Amino acid sequence: MGSMLEQYGEIAPRGTVDFLRRLAQRVAGKRMIHVNSTRHGGGVAEILHRLLPLLEEVGVKTCWEVMTGSGFFYRTTKNFHNGLQGSKQRITPDMYEAYLECNRETAKRLLNEPDRMAALGRQAKEYARHRFLITRHLQDNLALIILLSQGAR
């Protein structure tokens, strides 16, 4: 039946699989960690179940970690999700802090697991310490969401 990527060739537009293989040459040998809040259910988990084997197939070493947070954290991320989908949501500073705290705790846990860090490479620990899970862009957007949800214009 062929590789997983080749199976997509049966339904993808002609040339797509070859194009993806050429693009993959640029990232072959790289390492990537995926972190989200669940392994089952939800769109991210559904995507990662298919994406990670494809990345491995084209030479990208991957691992998948799951965050563990409080019920408040999960309600907060659900509000983020619903807000990004267009539903009016109230995001309080406490919610934002709960989100950041769970990210900090997850980063600490992962940074203290030598096998995980070794799998990601030499510079991963320093990079993750400074940029784990929350890029400047995302941080600015979340701060804006909080500001707008409090009625500021």
Protein backbone atom coordinates (compact mmCIF):
# COMPACT_ATOMS: atom_id res chain seq x y z
CA MET A 1 0.00 0.00 0.00
CA GLY A 2 3.00 2.32 0.32
CA SER A 3 3.99 4.93 2.86
CA MET A 4 1.49 7.09 4.69
CA LEU A 5 2.41 10.10 2.58
CA GLU A 6 2.08 8.08 -0.63
CA GLN A 7 -1.46 7.11 0.40
CA TYR A 8 -2.40 10.78 0.29
CA GLY A 9 -1.29 10.79 -3.33
CA GLU A 10 -4.48 8.91 -4.20
CA ILE A 11 -6.65 11.85 -3.15
CA ALA A 12 -4.36 14.91 -3.26
CA PRO A 13 -3.95 16.97 -6.41
CA ARG A 14 -1.36 15.60 -8.81
CA GLY A 15 2.21 16.48 -7.81
CA THR A 16 1.34 17.35 -4.20
CA VAL A 17 3.18 14.42 -2.61
CA ASP A 18 6.32 15.06 -4.67
CA PHE A 19 6.14 18.75 -3.74
CA LEU A 20 5.83 17.87 -0.03
CA ARG A 21 8.82 15.53 -0.27
CA ARG A 22 10.90 18.33 -1.81
CA LEU A 23 9.82 20.74 0.94
CA ALA A 24 10.60 18.11 3.57
CA GLN A 25 14.23 18.01 2.47
CA ARG A 26 14.63 21.43 4.13
CA VAL A 27 13.56 20.12 7.54
CA ALA A 28 14.92 16.56 7.44
CA GLY A 29 16.95 15.87 10.56
CA LYS A 30 15.23 18.59 12.60
CA ARG A 31 13.57 17.87 15.92
CA MET A 32 10.15 19.07 17.01
CA ILE A 33 8.15 18.83 20.20
CA HIS A 34 4.39 19.22 20.17
CA VAL A 35 2.68 20.20 23.40
CA ASN A 36 -1.05 20.43 23.87
CA SER A 37 -3.65 19.79 26.54
CA THR A 38 -5.02 16.41 25.46
CA ARG A 39 -4.03 13.28 23.55
CA HIS A 40 -7.63 12.38 22.67
CA GLY A 41 -10.51 14.52 21.46
CA GLY A 42 -10.24 18.00 20.09
CA GLY A 43 -8.87 19.23 16.82
CA VAL A 44 -5.20 19.43 17.79
CA ALA A 45 -5.09 15.82 18.98
CA GLU A 46 -6.87 14.67 15.81
CA ILE A 47 -4.31 16.49 13.66
CA LEU A 48 -1.28 15.29 15.63
CA HIS A 49 -2.30 11.63 15.37
CA ARG A 50 -1.86 11.98 11.61
CA LEU A 51 0.81 14.67 11.41
CA LEU A 52 3.48 13.14 13.64
CA PRO A 53 3.85 9.91 11.63
CA LEU A 54 4.05 12.01 8.44
CA LEU A 55 6.78 14.20 9.94
CA GLU A 56 8.72 11.12 11.06
CA GLU A 57 8.36 9.69 7.58
CA VAL A 58 10.04 12.73 6.02
CA GLY A 59 12.87 12.73 8.57
CA VAL A 60 11.69 15.08 11.34
CA LYS A 61 12.15 13.62 14.83
CA THR A 62 9.04 14.37 16.88
CA CYS A 63 7.67 13.88 20.35
CA TRP A 64 4.29 14.76 21.80
CA GLU A 65 3.80 15.97 25.34
CA VAL A 66 0.53 16.65 27.12
CA MET A 67 0.03 19.48 29.59
CA THR A 68 -1.72 18.82 32.87
CA GLY A 69 -3.60 21.74 34.33
CA SER A 70 -6.40 22.53 36.73
CA GLY A 71 -10.05 22.67 35.78
CA PHE A 72 -9.70 26.45 35.78
CA PHE A 73 -6.87 26.18 33.22
CA TYR A 74 -9.00 24.00 30.92
CA ARG A 75 -12.00 26.34 31.24
CA THR A 76 -9.68 29.23 30.39
CA THR A 77 -8.34 27.54 27.26
CA LYS A 78 -11.92 26.70 26.25
CA ASN A 79 -12.77 30.41 26.57
CA PHE A 80 -9.73 31.28 24.42
CA HIS A 81 -10.90 28.76 21.82
CA ASN A 82 -14.48 30.02 21.84
CA GLY A 83 -13.31 33.64 21.65
CA LEU A 84 -11.08 32.88 18.67
CA GLN A 85 -14.10 31.24 17.02
CA GLY A 86 -16.04 34.51 17.36
CA SER A 87 -18.01 33.94 20.55
CA LYS A 88 -17.92 36.79 23.05
CA GLN A 89 -15.84 35.66 26.05
CA ARG A 90 -14.69 37.28 29.25
CA ILE A 91 -11.00 36.61 29.93
CA THR A 92 -9.91 37.87 33.31
CA PRO A 93 -6.34 38.54 34.47
CA ASP A 94 -6.72 35.50 36.78
CA MET A 95 -7.58 33.33 33.78
CA TYR A 96 -4.61 34.63 31.84
CA GLU A 97 -2.32 34.00 34.82
CA ALA A 98 -3.67 30.44 35.20
CA TYR A 99 -2.86 29.84 31.55
CA LEU A 100 0.67 31.22 31.91
CA GLU A 101 1.28 29.30 35.16
CA CYS A 102 0.33 25.99 33.57
CA ASN A 103 2.69 26.76 30.69
CA ARG A 104 5.49 27.60 33.14
CA GLU A 105 4.93 24.37 35.09
CA THR A 106 4.85 22.30 31.93
CA ALA A 107 8.07 23.93 30.74
CA LYS A 108 9.77 23.19 34.07
CA ARG A 109 8.64 19.57 33.95
CA LEU A 110 9.86 19.10 30.40
CA LEU A 111 13.13 20.95 30.98
CA ASN A 112 13.87 18.67 33.92
CA GLU A 113 13.42 15.48 31.91
CA PRO A 114 16.87 14.79 30.47
CA ASP A 115 15.61 12.24 27.95
CA ARG A 116 13.16 14.73 26.47
CA MET A 117 15.73 17.49 26.22
CA ALA A 118 18.36 15.15 24.77
CA ALA A 119 15.84 14.11 22.13
CA LEU A 120 15.38 17.74 21.14
CA GLY A 121 19.03 18.65 20.91
CA ARG A 122 21.62 20.88 22.61
CA GLN A 123 19.99 24.27 22.24
CA ALA A 124 16.43 23.16 22.98
CA LYS A 125 16.64 23.70 26.74
CA GLU A 126 17.76 27.32 26.49
CA TYR A 127 15.26 28.09 23.75
CA ALA A 128 12.38 26.43 25.61
CA ARG A 129 13.26 28.23 28.83
CA HIS A 130 12.70 31.60 27.13
CA ARG A 131 9.99 30.90 24.55
CA PHE A 132 8.10 27.81 25.67
CA LEU A 133 4.59 27.69 24.25
CA ILE A 134 3.89 31.38 24.26
CA THR A 135 5.32 33.42 21.49
CA ARG A 136 5.34 37.19 21.70
CA HIS A 137 2.59 37.28 19.08
CA LEU A 138 0.33 34.95 21.08
CA GLN A 139 1.10 36.76 24.32
CA ASP A 140 0.19 40.13 22.77
CA ASN A 141 -3.04 38.70 21.33
CA LEU A 142 -4.07 37.21 24.66
CA ALA A 143 -3.34 40.49 26.43
CA LEU A 144 -5.50 42.27 23.86
CA ILE A 145 -8.32 39.75 24.35
CA ILE A 146 -8.19 40.38 28.11
CA LEU A 147 -8.21 44.12 27.62
CA LEU A 148 -11.17 43.99 25.23
CA SER A 149 -13.08 41.55 27.44
CA GLN A 150 -12.87 44.08 30.29
CA GLY A 151 -14.63 46.69 28.18
CA ALA A 152 -11.60 48.83 27.30
CA ARG A 153 -11.45 50.28 23.80
